[in-house]
Every structure is written in structure tokens, then in C-alpha cells.
Amino acid sequence: MKDTYNYDEESVKALIEWAENAELPSRIRLTEAEDIIDVKCYVRANIYDIKEHYPDPFYNPSIKRLYRLKELVEGV
């Protein structure tokens, strides 16, 4: 499966800004195996990893998790 997300600095900054300002539910089910019971904590933890380690590709899963959350919240 090809990863279609953008990991350039401008896209990641825009994603973080979205995550920090979006109206998010308190709980969300991303997949059958991913039931996020504290969305704010989930977002903070991923943003922390991104801010501390970007552009290290090892932390791209943190970026990808925020993209997936955004898609679900926005109904994409």
C-alpha cells in the first residue's frame, strides 16, 4: 500500500495547526483495532513527537496518525 501523505515541512506545519485548532470529539474509533478514548491526549502526544523529532522519518507514523484522524473527523 502506497503512502499518499505529505511529509514536507509546510504540510506537516499545516497538519499540526489543524490538530491544535480543530474541534475534536473526546473519543473516536479510527479502525476496528484503534479506539482512541482521549483524543486530546492522543493529539498532544503525536504533536510532541513530531515537534521533537521532525524530519526524522522514524517518526512519520505520528504524522500519519494525525492525517488519519483528520480524514475521519472531516469525513474524507
PDB file of N, CA and C in Angstrom:
ATOM      1  N   MET A   1       0.833  -1.190   0.000  1.00  0.00           N
ATOM      2  CA  MET A   1       0.000   0.000   0.000  1.00  0.00           C
ATOM      3  C   MET A   1       0.877   1.253   0.000  1.00  0.00           C
ATOM      4  N   LYS A   2       0.624   2.142  -0.938  1.00  0.00           N
ATOM      5  CA  LYS A   2       1.416   3.355  -1.075  1.00  0.00           C
ATOM      6  C   LYS A   2       0.954   4.403  -0.069  1.00  0.00           C
ATOM      7  N   ASP A   3       1.896   5.072   0.543  1.00  0.00           N
ATOM      8  CA  ASP A   3       1.618   6.141   1.492  1.00  0.00           C
ATOM      9  C   ASP A   3       1.398   7.429   0.692  1.00  0.00           C
ATOM     10  N   THR A   4       0.226   8.006   0.773  1.00  0.00           N
ATOM     11  CA  THR A   4      -0.095   9.188  -0.023  1.00  0.00           C
ATOM     12  C   THR A   4      -0.051  10.479   0.785  1.00  0.00           C
ATOM     13  N   TYR A   5       0.454  10.449   1.976  1.00  0.00           N
ATOM     14  CA  TYR A   5       0.508  11.643   2.810  1.00  0.00           C
ATOM     15  C   TYR A   5       1.755  12.460   2.500  1.00  0.00           C
ATOM     16  N   ASN A   6       1.663  13.763   2.759  1.00  0.00           N
ATOM     17  CA  ASN A   6       2.796  14.669   2.534  1.00  0.00           C
ATOM     18  C   ASN A   6       3.546  14.884   3.835  1.00  0.00           C
ATOM     19  N   TYR A   7       4.865  14.750   3.746  1.00  0.00           N
ATOM     20  CA  TYR A   7       5.702  14.892   4.940  1.00  0.00           C
ATOM     21  C   TYR A   7       6.646  16.090   4.844  1.00  0.00           C
ATOM     22  N   ASP A   8       6.415  16.972   3.846  1.00  0.00           N
ATOM     23  CA  ASP A   8       7.253  18.167   3.734  1.00  0.00           C
ATOM     24  C   ASP A   8       6.903  19.114   4.882  1.00  0.00           C
ATOM     25  N   GLU A   9       7.816  20.009   5.178  1.00  0.00           N
ATOM     26  CA  GLU A   9       7.684  20.867   6.352  1.00  0.00           C
ATOM     27  C   GLU A   9       6.399  21.699   6.340  1.00  0.00           C
ATOM     28  N   GLU A  10       6.046  22.256   5.208  1.00  0.00           N
ATOM     29  CA  GLU A  10       4.847  23.092   5.118  1.00  0.00           C
ATOM     30  C   GLU A  10       3.583  22.274   5.393  1.00  0.00           C
ATOM     31  N   SER A  11       3.502  21.083   4.829  1.00  0.00           N
ATOM     32  CA  SER A  11       2.333  20.222   5.039  1.00  0.00           C
ATOM     33  C   SER A  11       2.227  19.778   6.490  1.00  0.00           C
ATOM     34  N   VAL A  12       3.351  19.446   7.092  1.00  0.00           N
ATOM     35  CA  VAL A  12       3.348  18.998   8.490  1.00  0.00           C
ATOM     36  C   VAL A  12       2.945  20.145   9.411  1.00  0.00           C
ATOM     37  N   LYS A  13       3.436  21.352   9.142  1.00  0.00           N
ATOM     38  CA  LYS A  13       3.039  22.511   9.953  1.00  0.00           C
ATOM     39  C   LYS A  13       1.536  22.762   9.845  1.00  0.00           C
ATOM     40  N   ALA A  14       1.001  22.645   8.631  1.00  0.00           N
ATOM     41  CA  ALA A  14      -0.435  22.839   8.432  1.00  0.00           C
ATOM     42  C   ALA A  14      -1.240  21.769   9.170  1.00  0.00           C
ATOM     43  N   LEU A  15      -0.753  20.547   9.161  1.00  0.00           N
ATOM     44  CA  LEU A  15      -1.417  19.455   9.866  1.00  0.00           C
ATOM     45  C   LEU A  15      -1.421  19.691  11.372  1.00  0.00           C
ATOM     46  N   ILE A  16      -0.296  20.123  11.907  1.00  0.00           N
ATOM     47  CA  ILE A  16      -0.213  20.424  13.346  1.00  0.00           C
ATOM     48  C   ILE A  16      -1.163  21.560  13.703  1.00  0.00           C
ATOM     49  N   GLU A  17      -1.192  22.595  12.869  1.00  0.00           N
ATOM     50  CA  GLU A  17      -2.096  23.712  13.125  1.00  0.00           C
ATOM     51  C   GLU A  17      -3.549  23.243  13.121  1.00  0.00           C
ATOM     52  N   TRP A  18      -3.881  22.373  12.161  1.00  0.00           N
ATOM     53  CA  TRP A  18      -5.232  21.825  12.140  1.00  0.00           C
ATOM     54  C   TRP A  18      -5.514  21.080  13.445  1.00  0.00           C
ATOM     55  N   ALA A  19      -4.603  20.199  13.844  1.00  0.00           N
ATOM     56  CA  ALA A  19      -4.808  19.367  15.036  1.00  0.00           C
ATOM     57  C   ALA A  19      -4.939  20.211  16.297  1.00  0.00           C
ATOM     58  N   GLU A  20      -4.207  21.301  16.372  1.00  0.00           N
ATOM     59  CA  GLU A  20      -4.260  22.156  17.560  1.00  0.00           C
ATOM     60  C   GLU A  20      -5.536  22.994  17.611  1.00  0.00           C
ATOM     61  N   ASN A  21      -6.186  23.211  16.476  1.00  0.00           N
ATOM     62  CA  ASN A  21      -7.341  24.115  16.427  1.00  0.00           C
ATOM     63  C   ASN A  21      -8.665  23.449  16.062  1.00  0.00           C
ATOM     64  N   ALA A  22      -8.616  22.209  15.652  1.00  0.00           N
ATOM     65  CA  ALA A  22      -9.838  21.529  15.222  1.00  0.00           C
ATOM     66  C   ALA A  22     -10.743  21.218  16.411  1.00  0.00           C
ATOM     67  N   GLU A  23     -12.022  21.196  16.136  1.00  0.00           N
ATOM     68  CA  GLU A  23     -12.971  20.746  17.144  1.00  0.00           C
ATOM     69  C   GLU A  23     -13.016  19.230  17.059  1.00  0.00           C
ATOM     70  N   LEU A  24     -12.478  18.590  18.050  1.00  0.00           N
ATOM     71  CA  LEU A  24     -12.321  17.141  18.034  1.00  0.00           C
ATOM     72  C   LEU A  24     -13.264  16.481  19.032  1.00  0.00           C
ATOM     73  N   PRO A  25     -13.702  15.283  18.718  1.00  0.00           N
ATOM     74  CA  PRO A  25     -14.518  14.549  19.691  1.00  0.00           C
ATOM     75  C   PRO A  25     -13.640  14.118  20.869  1.00  0.00           C
ATOM     76  N   SER A  26     -14.245  13.777  21.974  1.00  0.00           N
ATOM     77  CA  SER A  26     -13.454  13.322  23.120  1.00  0.00           C
ATOM     78  C   SER A  26     -12.970  11.889  22.918  1.00  0.00           C
ATOM     79  N   ARG A  27     -13.719  11.126  22.107  1.00  0.00           N
ATOM     80  CA  ARG A  27     -13.365   9.722  21.844  1.00  0.00           C
ATOM     81  C   ARG A  27     -13.666   9.424  20.383  1.00  0.00           C
ATOM     82  N   ILE A  28     -12.842   8.570  19.769  1.00  0.00           N
ATOM     83  CA  ILE A  28     -13.065   8.235  18.365  1.00  0.00           C
ATOM     84  C   ILE A  28     -12.498   6.852  18.072  1.00  0.00           C
ATOM     85  N   ARG A  29     -13.123   6.167  17.142  1.00  0.00           N
ATOM     86  CA  ARG A  29     -12.627   4.858  16.708  1.00  0.00           C
ATOM     87  C   ARG A  29     -12.046   5.048  15.309  1.00  0.00           C
ATOM     88  N   LEU A  30     -10.708   4.955  15.217  1.00  0.00           N
ATOM     89  CA  LEU A  30     -10.034   5.113  13.928  1.00  0.00           C
ATOM     90  C   LEU A  30     -10.207   3.882  13.061  1.00  0.00           C
ATOM     91  N   THR A  31     -10.032   2.740  13.674  1.00  0.00           N
ATOM     92  CA  THR A  31     -10.216   1.462  12.985  1.00  0.00           C
ATOM     93  C   THR A  31     -10.804   0.489  13.993  1.00  0.00           C
ATOM     94  N   GLU A  32     -11.044  -0.716  13.552  1.00  0.00           N
ATOM     95  CA  GLU A  32     -11.557  -1.738  14.458  1.00  0.00           C
ATOM     96  C   GLU A  32     -10.606  -1.975  15.626  1.00  0.00           C
ATOM     97  N   ALA A  33      -9.312  -1.771  15.393  1.00  0.00           N
ATOM     98  CA  ALA A  33      -8.301  -2.035  16.417  1.00  0.00           C
ATOM     99  C   ALA A  33      -7.829  -0.769  17.143  1.00  0.00           C
ATOM    100  N   GLU A  34      -8.274   0.400  16.689  1.00  0.00           N
ATOM    101  CA  GLU A  34      -7.808   1.659  17.281  1.00  0.00           C
ATOM    102  C   GLU A  34      -8.985   2.467  17.802  1.00  0.00           C
ATOM    103  N   ASP A  35      -9.232   2.332  19.092  1.00  0.00           N
ATOM    104  CA  ASP A  35     -10.287   3.081  19.764  1.00  0.00           C
ATOM    105  C   ASP A  35      -9.606   4.094  20.663  1.00  0.00           C
ATOM    106  N   ILE A  36      -9.605   5.349  20.262  1.00  0.00           N
ATOM    107  CA  ILE A  36      -8.914   6.407  21.000  1.00  0.00           C
ATOM    108  C   ILE A  36      -9.891   6.956  22.039  1.00  0.00           C
ATOM    109  N   ILE A  37      -9.600   6.734  23.307  1.00  0.00           N
ATOM    110  CA  ILE A  37     -10.527   7.143  24.362  1.00  0.00           C
ATOM    111  C   ILE A  37     -10.260   8.559  24.875  1.00  0.00           C
ATOM    112  N   ASP A  38      -9.098   9.136  24.554  1.00  0.00           N
ATOM    113  CA  ASP A  38      -8.785  10.516  24.932  1.00  0.00           C
ATOM    114  C   ASP A  38      -8.105  11.175  23.731  1.00  0.00           C
ATOM    115  N   VAL A  39      -8.905  11.747  22.849  1.00  0.00           N
ATOM    116  CA  VAL A  39      -8.392  12.292  21.594  1.00  0.00           C
ATOM    117  C   VAL A  39      -7.428  13.446  21.841  1.00  0.00           C
ATOM    118  N   LYS A  40      -7.711  14.310  22.793  1.00  0.00           N
ATOM    119  CA  LYS A  40      -6.804  15.440  23.071  1.00  0.00           C
ATOM    120  C   LYS A  40      -5.426  14.941  23.483  1.00  0.00           C
ATOM    121  N   CYS A  41      -5.370  13.941  24.327  1.00  0.00           N
ATOM    122  CA  CYS A  41      -4.099  13.364  24.759  1.00  0.00           C
ATOM    123  C   CYS A  41      -3.382  12.715  23.569  1.00  0.00           C
ATOM    124  N   TYR A  42      -4.124  12.005  22.745  1.00  0.00           N
ATOM    125  CA  TYR A  42      -3.596  11.359  21.534  1.00  0.00           C
ATOM    126  C   TYR A  42      -2.963  12.399  20.610  1.00  0.00           C
ATOM    127  N   VAL A  43      -3.661  13.512  20.404  1.00  0.00           N
ATOM    128  CA  VAL A  43      -3.153  14.583  19.540  1.00  0.00           C
ATOM    129  C   VAL A  43      -1.904  15.206  20.151  1.00  0.00           C
ATOM    130  N   ARG A  44      -1.947  15.513  21.428  1.00  0.00           N
ATOM    131  CA  ARG A  44      -0.778  16.122  22.093  1.00  0.00           C
ATOM    132  C   ARG A  44       0.452  15.234  21.990  1.00  0.00           C
ATOM    133  N   ALA A  45       0.277  13.937  22.216  1.00  0.00           N
ATOM    134  CA  ALA A  45       1.405  13.001  22.174  1.00  0.00           C
ATOM    135  C   ALA A  45       2.012  12.934  20.772  1.00  0.00           C
ATOM    136  N   ASN A  46       1.174  12.912  19.754  1.00  0.00           N
ATOM    137  CA  ASN A  46       1.687  12.861  18.392  1.00  0.00           C
ATOM    138  C   ASN A  46       2.358  14.165  17.994  1.00  0.00           C
ATOM    139  N   ILE A  47       1.779  15.292  18.374  1.00  0.00           N
ATOM    140  CA  ILE A  47       2.395  16.583  18.075  1.00  0.00           C
ATOM    141  C   ILE A  47       3.739  16.704  18.789  1.00  0.00           C
ATOM    142  N   TYR A  48       3.810  16.255  20.013  1.00  0.00           N
ATOM    143  CA  TYR A  48       5.071  16.288  20.749  1.00  0.00           C
ATOM    144  C   TYR A  48       6.156  15.521  19.993  1.00  0.00           C
ATOM    145  N   ASP A  49       5.839  14.311  19.572  1.00  0.00           N
ATOM    146  CA  ASP A  49       6.814  13.505  18.820  1.00  0.00           C
ATOM    147  C   ASP A  49       7.254  14.219  17.543  1.00  0.00           C
ATOM    148  N   ILE A  50       6.305  14.792  16.838  1.00  0.00           N
ATOM    149  CA  ILE A  50       6.636  15.479  15.587  1.00  0.00           C
ATOM    150  C   ILE A  50       7.544  16.674  15.859  1.00  0.00           C
ATOM    151  N   LYS A  51       7.164  17.508  16.803  1.00  0.00           N
ATOM    152  CA  LYS A  51       7.952  18.715  17.091  1.00  0.00           C
ATOM    153  C   LYS A  51       9.348  18.380  17.599  1.00  0.00           C
ATOM    154  N   GLU A  52       9.473  17.320  18.350  1.00  0.00           N
ATOM    155  CA  GLU A  52      10.776  16.943  18.894  1.00  0.00           C
ATOM    156  C   GLU A  52      11.684  16.267  17.876  1.00  0.00           C
ATOM    157  N   HIS A  53      11.129  15.589  16.895  1.00  0.00           N
ATOM    158  CA  HIS A  53      11.938  14.722  16.045  1.00  0.00           C
ATOM    159  C   HIS A  53      11.857  14.996  14.549  1.00  0.00           C
ATOM    160  N   TYR A  54      10.979  15.879  14.112  1.00  0.00           N
ATOM    161  CA  TYR A  54      10.872  16.161  12.682  1.00  0.00           C
ATOM    162  C   TYR A  54      12.196  16.737  12.186  1.00  0.00           C
ATOM    163  N   PRO A  55      12.729  16.305  11.061  1.00  0.00           N
ATOM    164  CA  PRO A  55      12.187  15.492   9.991  1.00  0.00           C
ATOM    165  C   PRO A  55      12.622  14.020  10.018  1.00  0.00           C
ATOM    166  N   ASP A  56      12.995  13.495  11.169  1.00  0.00           N
ATOM    167  CA  ASP A  56      13.402  12.086  11.262  1.00  0.00           C
ATOM    168  C   ASP A  56      12.259  11.192  10.783  1.00  0.00           C
ATOM    169  N   PRO A  57      12.452  10.444   9.683  1.00  0.00           N
ATOM    170  CA  PRO A  57      11.375   9.629   9.123  1.00  0.00           C
ATOM    171  C   PRO A  57      10.893   8.509  10.049  1.00  0.00           C
ATOM    172  N   PHE A  58      11.675   8.185  11.074  1.00  0.00           N
ATOM    173  CA  PHE A  58      11.244   7.180  12.039  1.00  0.00           C
ATOM    174  C   PHE A  58       9.940   7.604  12.717  1.00  0.00           C
ATOM    175  N   TYR A  59       9.715   8.917  12.809  1.00  0.00           N
ATOM    176  CA  TYR A  59       8.527   9.447  13.479  1.00  0.00           C
ATOM    177  C   TYR A  59       7.395   9.788  12.516  1.00  0.00           C
ATOM    178  N   ASN A  60       7.528   9.420  11.248  1.00  0.00           N
ATOM    179  CA  ASN A  60       6.444   9.644  10.288  1.00  0.00           C
ATOM    180  C   ASN A  60       5.124   9.000  10.713  1.00  0.00           C
ATOM    181  N   PRO A  61       5.125   7.887  11.435  1.00  0.00           N
ATOM    182  CA  PRO A  61       3.842   7.340  11.899  1.00  0.00           C
ATOM    183  C   PRO A  61       3.040   8.335  12.759  1.00  0.00           C
ATOM    184  N   SER A  62       3.712   9.211  13.490  1.00  0.00           N
ATOM    185  CA  SER A  62       2.995  10.237  14.266  1.00  0.00           C
ATOM    186  C   SER A  62       2.266  11.192  13.335  1.00  0.00           C
ATOM    187  N   ILE A  63       2.913  11.545  12.248  1.00  0.00           N
ATOM    188  CA  ILE A  63       2.294  12.419  11.249  1.00  0.00           C
ATOM    189  C   ILE A  63       1.127  11.686  10.589  1.00  0.00           C
ATOM    190  N   LYS A  64       1.364  10.455  10.232  1.00  0.00           N
ATOM    191  CA  LYS A  64       0.328   9.651   9.566  1.00  0.00           C
ATOM    192  C   LYS A  64      -0.902   9.491  10.465  1.00  0.00           C
ATOM    193  N   ARG A  65      -0.696   9.305  11.756  1.00  0.00           N
ATOM    194  CA  ARG A  65      -1.831   9.161  12.677  1.00  0.00           C
ATOM    195  C   ARG A  65      -2.688  10.425  12.684  1.00  0.00           C
ATOM    196  N   LEU A  66      -2.042  11.602  12.634  1.00  0.00           N
ATOM    197  CA  LEU A  66      -2.811  12.847  12.604  1.00  0.00           C
ATOM    198  C   LEU A  66      -3.558  13.001  11.280  1.00  0.00           C
ATOM    199  N   TYR A  67      -2.931  12.612  10.179  1.00  0.00           N
ATOM    200  CA  TYR A  67      -3.625  12.648   8.883  1.00  0.00           C
ATOM    201  C   TYR A  67      -4.867  11.749   8.920  1.00  0.00           C
ATOM    202  N   ARG A  68      -4.731  10.557   9.471  1.00  0.00           N
ATOM    203  CA  ARG A  68      -5.854   9.627   9.529  1.00  0.00           C
ATOM    204  C   ARG A  68      -6.967  10.169  10.423  1.00  0.00           C
ATOM    205  N   LEU A  69      -6.598  10.787  11.532  1.00  0.00           N
ATOM    206  CA  LEU A  69      -7.581  11.406  12.413  1.00  0.00           C
ATOM    207  C   LEU A  69      -8.317  12.518  11.665  1.00  0.00           C
ATOM    208  N   LYS A  70      -7.566  13.351  10.962  1.00  0.00           N
ATOM    209  CA  LYS A  70      -8.160  14.457  10.211  1.00  0.00           C
ATOM    210  C   LYS A  70      -9.144  13.925   9.164  1.00  0.00           C
ATOM    211  N   GLU A  71      -8.770  12.886   8.456  1.00  0.00           N
ATOM    212  CA  GLU A  71      -9.652  12.310   7.452  1.00  0.00           C
ATOM    213  C   GLU A  71     -10.970  11.832   8.074  1.00  0.00           C
ATOM    214  N   LEU A  72     -10.870  11.195   9.217  1.00  0.00           N
ATOM    215  CA  LEU A  72     -12.066  10.670   9.867  1.00  0.00           C
ATOM    216  C   LEU A  72     -12.942  11.805  10.405  1.00  0.00           C
ATOM    217  N   VAL A  73     -12.320  12.779  11.043  1.00  0.00           N
ATOM    218  CA  VAL A  73     -13.069  13.902  11.607  1.00  0.00           C
ATOM    219  C   VAL A  73     -13.740  14.717  10.513  1.00  0.00           C
ATOM    220  N   GLU A  74     -13.048  14.910   9.387  1.00  0.00           N
ATOM    221  CA  GLU A  74     -13.602  15.707   8.300  1.00  0.00           C
ATOM    222  C   GLU A  74     -14.442  14.889   7.329  1.00  0.00           C
ATOM    223  N   GLY A  75     -14.513  13.578   7.553  1.00  0.00           N
ATOM    224  CA  GLY A  75     -15.323  12.732   6.711  1.00  0.00           C
ATOM    225  C   GLY A  75     -14.763  12.513   5.315  1.00  0.00           C
ATOM    226  N   VAL A  76     -13.451  12.580   5.194  1.00  0.00           N
ATOM    227  CA  VAL A  76     -12.791  12.388   3.881  1.00  0.00           C
ATOM    228  C   VAL A  76     -12.716  10.920   3.542  1.00  0.00           C
TER     229      VAL A  76
END
